[in-house]
Amino acid sequence: MRVLAWGTYERGYPRNAQVFSALRGAGVEVEEWHVPLLEGREHKFSLGPRALASIAAAELRLLARRPPGDFDVLLVGYPGTLDMGAARRAARGRPIVFNALVSLEDTFVGDRGRFASGSVAARGLRRLDRFALRRADLVVADTEANARFLAALADLSRVESCLVGAEERLFGPGWAPQEPFHALFVGKLIPLHGLETILEAARLAPEIRLRIAGSGQLDDLLRDPPANVEHIPWIPYEELPAQLHRAGAALGIFRRSAKAQRVIPNKAFQALACGVPLVTADTPAARELLRDGESALLVPPGDAPALAGALRRLAADSGLRERIAAGGRSAYETHASEAVLGARWRALLEELCA
């Protein structure tokens, strides 16, 4: 089987890189037909005039390029919503798979708060979401919760799911935590992650060291952080495994929003792959993979005292840390390893082609 990975997708984004790696590991030939758009941009989701001009130019380049004819499936990588208008022409009768992680309306309106709900912009983004989802022969989301959301958004009878996983060329066992205990959060500082909850937990547990690595929309919250919080603007992707291996625990996301209920972030899979104890919000999506007290410590979304309490438990109990670390790694191997996800992706594509 041969897959043509096509579009303006971000080549280095973990979801794309992991899917390509998993497919290749499952014996699927993947050829990339890529027009750069998002590479090197810190803030990917921008709708300013310069961003719109760049998007238009990239889409014109996509339309102008004629992809090779010897492939079985056209795979539109994340974020590919704007590519779906040209995908049918490029596929030339072959099935199109949309690797969909987000809705633009949900991102700009519900998550980032860039536009008001019900505004002209919000309605336009919803129409674009529905158009893109309906152009695909198969939509694949990252969780069952997100699959149900996308299916309802576009009135689709079927949206499949395949977990995100982690790139195993980088992320693997090797956890050797440094003393004193510290918890690590890595990510763009966007509302989805619940940075306010993390910082309030740090204030409630001043004896627990937290390292926050990232920058973004909520940078201002870290202008004057609590004394026990160290802020690093960013950690290069290739260096993340070493940072995780040294952490006493890794933090996921903690916001109460509807979107946060449907996703398991990259950082969670990377921590699990590295065998690092994970603390994250107790959500329907998290429950698809994790069990509280076995493979992670799950706390109510937005509950800073509960997060502070979970970190104190881990800091005080090395046995608990080791059990959660081992349970998390086991959950990863069973449900989210490249071997498991590669087989899942291949089965979906073979069913589609059949």
Protein backbone atom coordinates (compact mmCIF):
# COMPACT_ATOMS: atom_id res chain seq x y z
CA MET A 1 0.00 0.00 0.00
CA ARG A 2 1.20 3.48 -0.87
CA VAL A 3 0.02 6.66 0.86
CA LEU A 4 0.56 10.17 -0.46
CA ALA A 5 0.86 12.59 2.48
CA TRP A 6 -0.31 15.81 0.85
CA GLY A 7 -0.87 19.44 1.81
CA THR A 8 0.46 22.33 3.86
CA TYR A 9 0.64 20.26 7.04
CA GLU A 10 3.35 21.04 9.57
CA ARG A 11 5.95 18.35 8.97
CA GLY A 12 7.44 18.50 12.47
CA TYR A 13 4.14 18.48 14.34
CA PRO A 14 4.06 15.33 16.50
CA ARG A 15 0.72 14.05 15.15
CA ASN A 16 1.95 14.15 11.55
CA ALA A 17 5.44 12.80 12.24
CA GLN A 18 4.08 10.01 14.43
CA VAL A 19 1.45 8.90 11.90
CA PHE A 20 4.03 8.73 9.11
CA SER A 21 6.41 6.78 11.35
CA ALA A 22 3.70 4.37 12.51
CA LEU A 23 2.50 3.75 8.95
CA ARG A 24 6.02 3.06 7.72
CA GLY A 25 6.56 0.70 10.63
CA ALA A 26 3.41 -1.16 9.54
CA GLY A 27 4.82 -1.66 6.06
CA VAL A 28 3.00 1.22 4.35
CA GLU A 29 4.98 3.31 1.88
CA VAL A 30 4.52 7.02 2.66
CA GLU A 31 5.53 9.68 0.15
CA GLU A 32 5.31 13.32 1.21
CA TRP A 33 3.99 15.94 -1.21
CA HIS A 34 4.34 19.01 0.94
CA VAL A 35 4.06 22.78 0.48
CA PRO A 36 5.57 24.62 3.49
CA LEU A 37 3.31 27.02 5.34
CA LEU A 38 3.55 26.53 9.13
CA GLU A 39 7.20 25.57 9.58
CA GLY A 40 9.10 27.95 11.84
CA ARG A 41 6.03 29.90 12.95
CA GLU A 42 5.58 30.16 16.70
CA HIS A 43 1.87 31.02 16.57
CA LYS A 44 0.30 28.65 14.08
CA PHE A 45 -3.30 29.73 14.37
CA SER A 46 -3.29 33.32 13.17
CA LEU A 47 -5.76 35.05 10.88
CA GLY A 48 -3.95 38.35 10.32
CA PRO A 49 -3.50 39.81 6.81
CA ARG A 50 0.04 38.42 6.43
CA ALA A 51 -1.07 34.97 7.54
CA LEU A 52 -4.00 34.98 5.13
CA ALA A 53 -1.73 36.02 2.27
CA SER A 54 0.68 33.19 3.10
CA ILE A 55 -2.18 30.71 3.22
CA ALA A 56 -3.51 31.85 -0.15
CA ALA A 57 -0.07 31.60 -1.76
CA ALA A 58 0.48 28.10 -0.35
CA GLU A 59 -2.90 26.89 -1.58
CA LEU A 60 -2.17 28.22 -5.06
CA ARG A 61 1.13 26.31 -5.05
CA LEU A 62 -0.74 23.16 -4.06
CA LEU A 63 -3.17 23.58 -6.94
CA ALA A 64 -0.35 24.22 -9.39
CA ARG A 65 1.59 21.07 -8.49
CA ARG A 66 0.52 17.77 -9.98
CA PRO A 67 1.23 14.90 -7.57
CA PRO A 68 2.41 11.49 -8.73
CA GLY A 69 -0.24 9.07 -9.94
CA ASP A 70 0.88 5.84 -8.29
CA PHE A 71 -0.66 5.98 -4.81
CA ASP A 72 -3.62 4.32 -3.14
CA VAL A 73 -4.74 6.93 -0.58
CA LEU A 74 -4.33 10.70 -0.28
CA LEU A 75 -3.70 11.61 3.37
CA VAL A 76 -4.26 15.27 4.27
CA GLY A 77 -2.12 16.05 7.31
CA TYR A 78 -2.87 18.27 10.29
CA PRO A 79 -3.89 21.06 10.16
CA GLY A 80 -5.41 20.44 6.74
CA THR A 81 -8.79 22.16 6.87
CA LEU A 82 -7.78 24.76 4.29
CA ASP A 83 -6.26 22.10 2.00
CA MET A 84 -9.45 20.11 1.60
CA GLY A 85 -10.80 22.34 -1.17
CA ALA A 86 -7.95 21.25 -3.46
CA ALA A 87 -7.64 17.68 -2.21
CA ARG A 88 -10.22 16.16 -4.54
CA ARG A 89 -8.41 17.44 -7.61
CA ALA A 90 -5.10 16.08 -6.33
CA ALA A 91 -6.58 12.68 -5.43
CA ARG A 92 -7.92 12.11 -8.97
CA GLY A 93 -10.50 9.58 -7.88
CA ARG A 94 -8.55 7.99 -5.06
CA PRO A 95 -9.91 8.04 -1.50
CA ILE A 96 -9.06 11.00 0.72
CA VAL A 97 -8.30 10.62 4.43
CA PHE A 98 -8.42 13.74 6.60
CA ASN A 99 -6.23 13.54 9.72
CA ALA A 100 -8.41 15.96 11.66
CA LEU A 101 -7.49 17.03 15.17
CA VAL A 102 -9.35 20.30 15.60
CA SER A 103 -12.24 22.39 14.40
CA LEU A 104 -11.26 25.92 13.40
CA GLU A 105 -14.40 27.31 15.01
CA ASP A 106 -13.68 25.44 18.23
CA THR A 107 -10.06 26.65 18.22
CA PHE A 108 -10.63 30.35 17.45
CA VAL A 109 -13.97 30.79 19.25
CA GLY A 110 -14.24 28.25 22.06
CA ASP A 111 -10.56 27.78 22.92
CA ARG A 112 -8.62 30.92 21.98
CA GLY A 113 -11.52 33.40 22.30
CA ARG A 114 -10.47 35.27 19.15
CA PHE A 115 -14.07 35.68 17.94
CA ALA A 116 -17.41 35.83 19.70
CA SER A 117 -19.71 32.85 19.51
CA GLY A 118 -22.34 33.41 16.83
CA SER A 119 -20.38 36.18 15.12
CA VAL A 120 -19.95 36.37 11.35
CA ALA A 121 -16.40 35.03 11.70
CA ALA A 122 -17.54 32.15 13.92
CA ARG A 123 -20.25 31.16 11.44
CA GLY A 124 -17.76 31.33 8.59
CA LEU A 125 -15.31 29.08 10.43
CA ARG A 126 -18.07 26.57 11.14
CA ARG A 127 -18.99 26.44 7.45
CA LEU A 128 -15.33 25.91 6.56
CA ASP A 129 -15.06 23.09 9.13
CA ARG A 130 -18.13 21.36 7.75
CA PHE A 131 -16.97 21.73 4.15
CA ALA A 132 -13.53 20.26 4.92
CA LEU A 133 -14.86 17.31 6.93
CA ARG A 134 -17.42 16.43 4.27
CA ARG A 135 -14.81 16.46 1.49
CA ALA A 136 -13.03 13.48 3.00
CA ASP A 137 -13.86 9.85 2.35
CA LEU A 138 -12.63 9.09 5.85
CA VAL A 139 -12.05 11.44 8.80
CA VAL A 140 -9.73 10.21 11.56
CA ALA A 141 -9.74 11.98 14.92
CA ASP A 142 -7.44 11.48 17.89
CA THR A 143 -9.96 10.27 20.49
CA GLU A 144 -13.43 8.76 20.49
CA ALA A 145 -14.70 11.88 22.24
CA ASN A 146 -13.31 14.10 19.47
CA ALA A 147 -14.60 11.74 16.79
CA ARG A 148 -18.14 12.10 18.13
CA PHE A 149 -17.76 15.89 18.20
CA LEU A 150 -16.53 16.11 14.60
CA ALA A 151 -19.19 13.72 13.36
CA ALA A 152 -21.91 15.84 14.96
CA LEU A 153 -20.36 19.06 13.63
CA ALA A 154 -20.49 17.90 10.00
CA ASP A 155 -23.46 15.50 10.23
CA LEU A 156 -21.23 12.56 9.35
CA SER A 157 -22.31 9.00 10.01
CA ARG A 158 -18.75 7.86 10.68
CA VAL A 159 -15.57 9.39 12.06
CA GLU A 160 -12.88 6.97 13.20
CA SER A 161 -10.31 7.57 15.92
CA CYS A 162 -6.66 6.70 16.37
CA LEU A 163 -4.70 7.91 19.37
CA VAL A 164 -1.79 10.31 18.89
CA GLY A 165 1.04 8.33 20.48
CA ALA A 166 4.65 9.52 20.48
CA GLU A 167 7.61 9.40 18.14
CA GLU A 168 9.60 6.43 19.37
CA ARG A 169 12.77 7.55 17.62
CA LEU A 170 12.93 10.06 20.49
CA PHE A 171 10.56 9.13 23.31
CA GLY A 172 11.25 5.92 25.22
CA PRO A 173 12.03 4.52 28.68
CA GLY A 174 14.86 6.00 30.69
CA TRP A 175 13.18 7.75 33.62
CA ALA A 176 15.80 8.69 36.23
CA PRO A 177 14.31 11.57 38.25
CA GLN A 178 16.58 14.16 39.79
CA GLU A 179 16.30 15.25 43.39
CA PRO A 180 14.70 17.33 44.67
CA PHE A 181 11.37 16.39 43.13
CA HIS A 182 10.06 18.68 40.41
CA ALA A 183 7.10 18.51 38.01
CA LEU A 184 7.50 19.47 34.35
CA PHE A 185 4.95 21.15 32.08
CA VAL A 186 5.84 21.58 28.40
CA GLY A 187 3.61 23.29 25.84
CA LYS A 188 2.39 26.39 24.14
CA LEU A 189 0.82 28.69 26.68
CA ILE A 190 -2.70 28.58 25.28
CA PRO A 191 -5.96 28.55 27.28
CA LEU A 192 -6.58 24.83 26.56
CA HIS A 193 -3.79 23.78 28.90
CA GLY A 194 -5.13 25.40 32.05
CA LEU A 195 -2.05 27.39 33.01
CA GLU A 196 -4.02 29.32 35.62
CA THR A 197 -4.79 26.08 37.45
CA ILE A 198 -1.13 25.01 37.35
CA LEU A 199 0.06 28.33 38.78
CA GLU A 200 -2.59 28.34 41.51
CA ALA A 201 -1.55 24.79 42.46
CA ALA A 202 2.04 26.03 42.71
CA ARG A 203 0.93 28.76 45.10
CA LEU A 204 -0.96 26.22 47.21
CA ALA A 205 2.06 23.89 47.38
CA PRO A 206 5.06 26.25 47.65
CA GLU A 207 7.37 23.37 48.62
CA ILE A 208 6.86 21.68 45.20
CA ARG A 209 9.14 22.83 42.39
CA LEU A 210 7.51 23.31 38.99
CA ARG A 211 9.28 23.85 35.69
CA ILE A 212 7.12 25.39 32.96
CA ALA A 213 8.59 25.32 29.46
CA GLY A 214 6.78 27.18 26.70
CA SER A 215 5.44 30.50 25.47
CA GLY A 216 2.34 31.75 23.77
CA GLN A 217 -0.95 33.55 24.30
CA LEU A 218 -0.78 33.47 28.11
CA ASP A 219 2.81 34.67 28.56
CA ASP A 220 1.61 37.49 30.81
CA LEU A 221 0.61 34.99 33.50
CA LEU A 222 4.30 34.22 33.96
CA ARG A 223 5.55 37.80 34.27
CA ASP A 224 5.66 37.35 38.05
CA PRO A 225 5.37 33.61 38.76
CA PRO A 226 5.37 32.02 42.23
CA ALA A 227 8.85 31.56 43.71
CA ASN A 228 8.71 27.77 43.20
CA VAL A 229 8.03 28.07 39.45
CA GLU A 230 10.84 28.17 36.91
CA HIS A 231 9.85 29.40 33.46
CA ILE A 232 11.82 28.38 30.37
CA PRO A 233 10.64 30.02 27.12
CA TRP A 234 11.09 26.77 25.19
CA ILE A 235 12.84 23.40 25.05
CA PRO A 236 13.93 22.13 21.62
CA TYR A 237 11.88 19.11 20.59
CA GLU A 238 14.90 16.82 20.35
CA GLU A 239 15.80 17.64 23.97
CA LEU A 240 12.37 16.90 25.46
CA PRO A 241 13.03 13.24 26.30
CA ALA A 242 16.05 14.12 28.44
CA GLN A 243 14.02 16.76 30.30
CA LEU A 244 11.19 14.29 30.87
CA HIS A 245 13.53 11.58 32.11
CA ARG A 246 14.83 13.94 34.81
CA ALA A 247 11.39 15.09 36.01
CA GLY A 248 9.64 13.64 39.03
CA ALA A 249 6.30 13.99 37.24
CA ALA A 250 4.85 15.42 34.04
CA LEU A 251 1.78 17.64 33.77
CA GLY A 252 -0.94 17.35 31.15
CA ILE A 253 -3.84 19.80 30.71
CA PHE A 254 -6.33 21.08 33.28
CA ARG A 255 -8.85 23.44 31.70
CA ARG A 256 -12.60 22.90 32.14
CA SER A 257 -13.51 23.73 28.51
CA ALA A 258 -15.43 21.42 26.20
CA LYS A 259 -12.40 21.00 23.95
CA ALA A 260 -10.20 20.00 26.89
CA GLN A 261 -12.69 17.22 27.66
CA ARG A 262 -12.12 15.68 24.21
CA VAL A 263 -8.34 15.64 23.79
CA ILE A 264 -5.26 13.90 25.13
CA PRO A 265 -2.31 16.24 24.45
CA ASN A 266 0.99 15.30 22.85
CA LYS A 267 2.76 15.97 26.14
CA ALA A 268 0.77 13.21 27.87
CA PHE A 269 1.74 10.55 25.32
CA GLN A 270 5.37 11.67 25.40
CA ALA A 271 5.48 11.37 29.19
CA LEU A 272 3.87 7.92 29.09
CA ALA A 273 6.29 6.75 26.39
CA CYS A 274 9.19 7.90 28.58
CA GLY A 275 7.77 6.12 31.63
CA VAL A 276 7.29 9.35 33.59
CA PRO A 277 4.43 9.65 36.13
CA LEU A 278 1.66 11.73 34.59
CA VAL A 279 -0.80 14.07 36.31
CA THR A 280 -3.60 15.38 34.11
CA ALA A 281 -7.29 16.26 34.17
CA ASP A 282 -9.90 13.57 34.61
CA THR A 283 -11.81 13.86 31.31
CA PRO A 284 -13.73 11.52 28.99
CA ALA A 285 -10.78 11.56 26.59
CA ALA A 286 -8.24 10.76 29.32
CA ARG A 287 -10.41 7.85 30.48
CA GLU A 288 -10.12 6.29 27.03
CA LEU A 289 -6.47 5.57 27.85
CA LEU A 290 -5.78 6.10 31.56
CA ARG A 291 -6.95 4.85 34.94
CA ASP A 292 -6.64 7.02 38.03
CA GLY A 293 -4.11 5.69 40.49
CA GLU A 294 -2.88 3.05 38.04
CA SER A 295 -1.54 4.69 34.87
CA ALA A 296 -1.82 8.36 35.93
CA LEU A 297 -3.12 10.60 38.67
CA LEU A 298 -6.32 12.18 37.34
CA VAL A 299 -7.65 15.33 38.98
CA PRO A 300 -10.87 17.27 38.35
CA PRO A 301 -10.40 19.89 35.59
CA GLY A 302 -9.71 23.37 36.91
CA ASP A 303 -9.22 22.11 40.48
CA ALA A 304 -5.97 23.66 41.73
CA PRO A 305 -6.19 22.17 45.27
CA ALA A 306 -6.62 18.69 43.79
CA LEU A 307 -3.61 19.21 41.50
CA ALA A 308 -1.51 20.47 44.42
CA GLY A 309 -2.57 17.43 46.44
CA ALA A 310 -1.63 15.02 43.65
CA LEU A 311 1.82 16.58 43.32
CA ARG A 312 2.34 16.39 47.08
CA ARG A 313 1.41 12.69 47.04
CA LEU A 314 3.93 11.95 44.31
CA ALA A 315 6.67 14.03 45.91
CA ALA A 316 6.23 12.23 49.24
CA ASP A 317 5.87 8.66 47.95
CA SER A 318 8.55 7.20 45.69
CA GLY A 319 6.65 3.91 45.55
CA LEU A 320 3.58 5.67 44.18
CA ARG A 321 5.74 7.41 41.59
CA GLU A 322 7.18 4.11 40.45
CA ARG A 323 3.76 2.41 40.24
CA ILE A 324 2.25 5.27 38.23
CA ALA A 325 5.30 5.38 35.96
CA ALA A 326 5.12 1.64 35.26
CA GLY A 327 1.35 1.70 34.79
CA GLY A 328 1.56 4.64 32.40
CA ARG A 329 4.23 2.95 30.32
CA SER A 330 2.13 -0.22 30.21
CA ALA A 331 -0.94 1.75 29.02
CA TYR A 332 1.20 3.34 26.32
CA GLU A 333 2.56 0.00 25.10
CA THR A 334 -0.92 -1.55 25.03
CA HIS A 335 -2.87 1.27 23.41
CA ALA A 336 -0.59 3.95 21.93
CA SER A 337 2.70 2.45 20.77
CA GLU A 338 3.76 2.91 17.16
CA ALA A 339 3.21 -0.81 16.54
CA VAL A 340 -0.37 -0.64 17.81
CA LEU A 341 -1.21 2.63 16.05
CA GLY A 342 0.49 1.60 12.82
CA ALA A 343 -1.67 -1.52 12.67
CA ARG A 344 -4.76 0.58 13.42
CA TRP A 345 -3.99 3.12 10.69
CA ARG A 346 -3.20 0.43 8.15
CA ALA A 347 -6.44 -1.42 8.89
CA LEU A 348 -8.45 1.78 8.40
CA LEU A 349 -6.77 2.51 5.07
CA GLU A 350 -7.13 -1.05 3.80
CA GLU A 351 -10.82 -1.06 4.70
CA LEU A 352 -11.26 2.24 2.87
CA CYS A 353 -9.52 1.01 -0.27
CA ALA A 354 -11.46 -2.25 -0.23
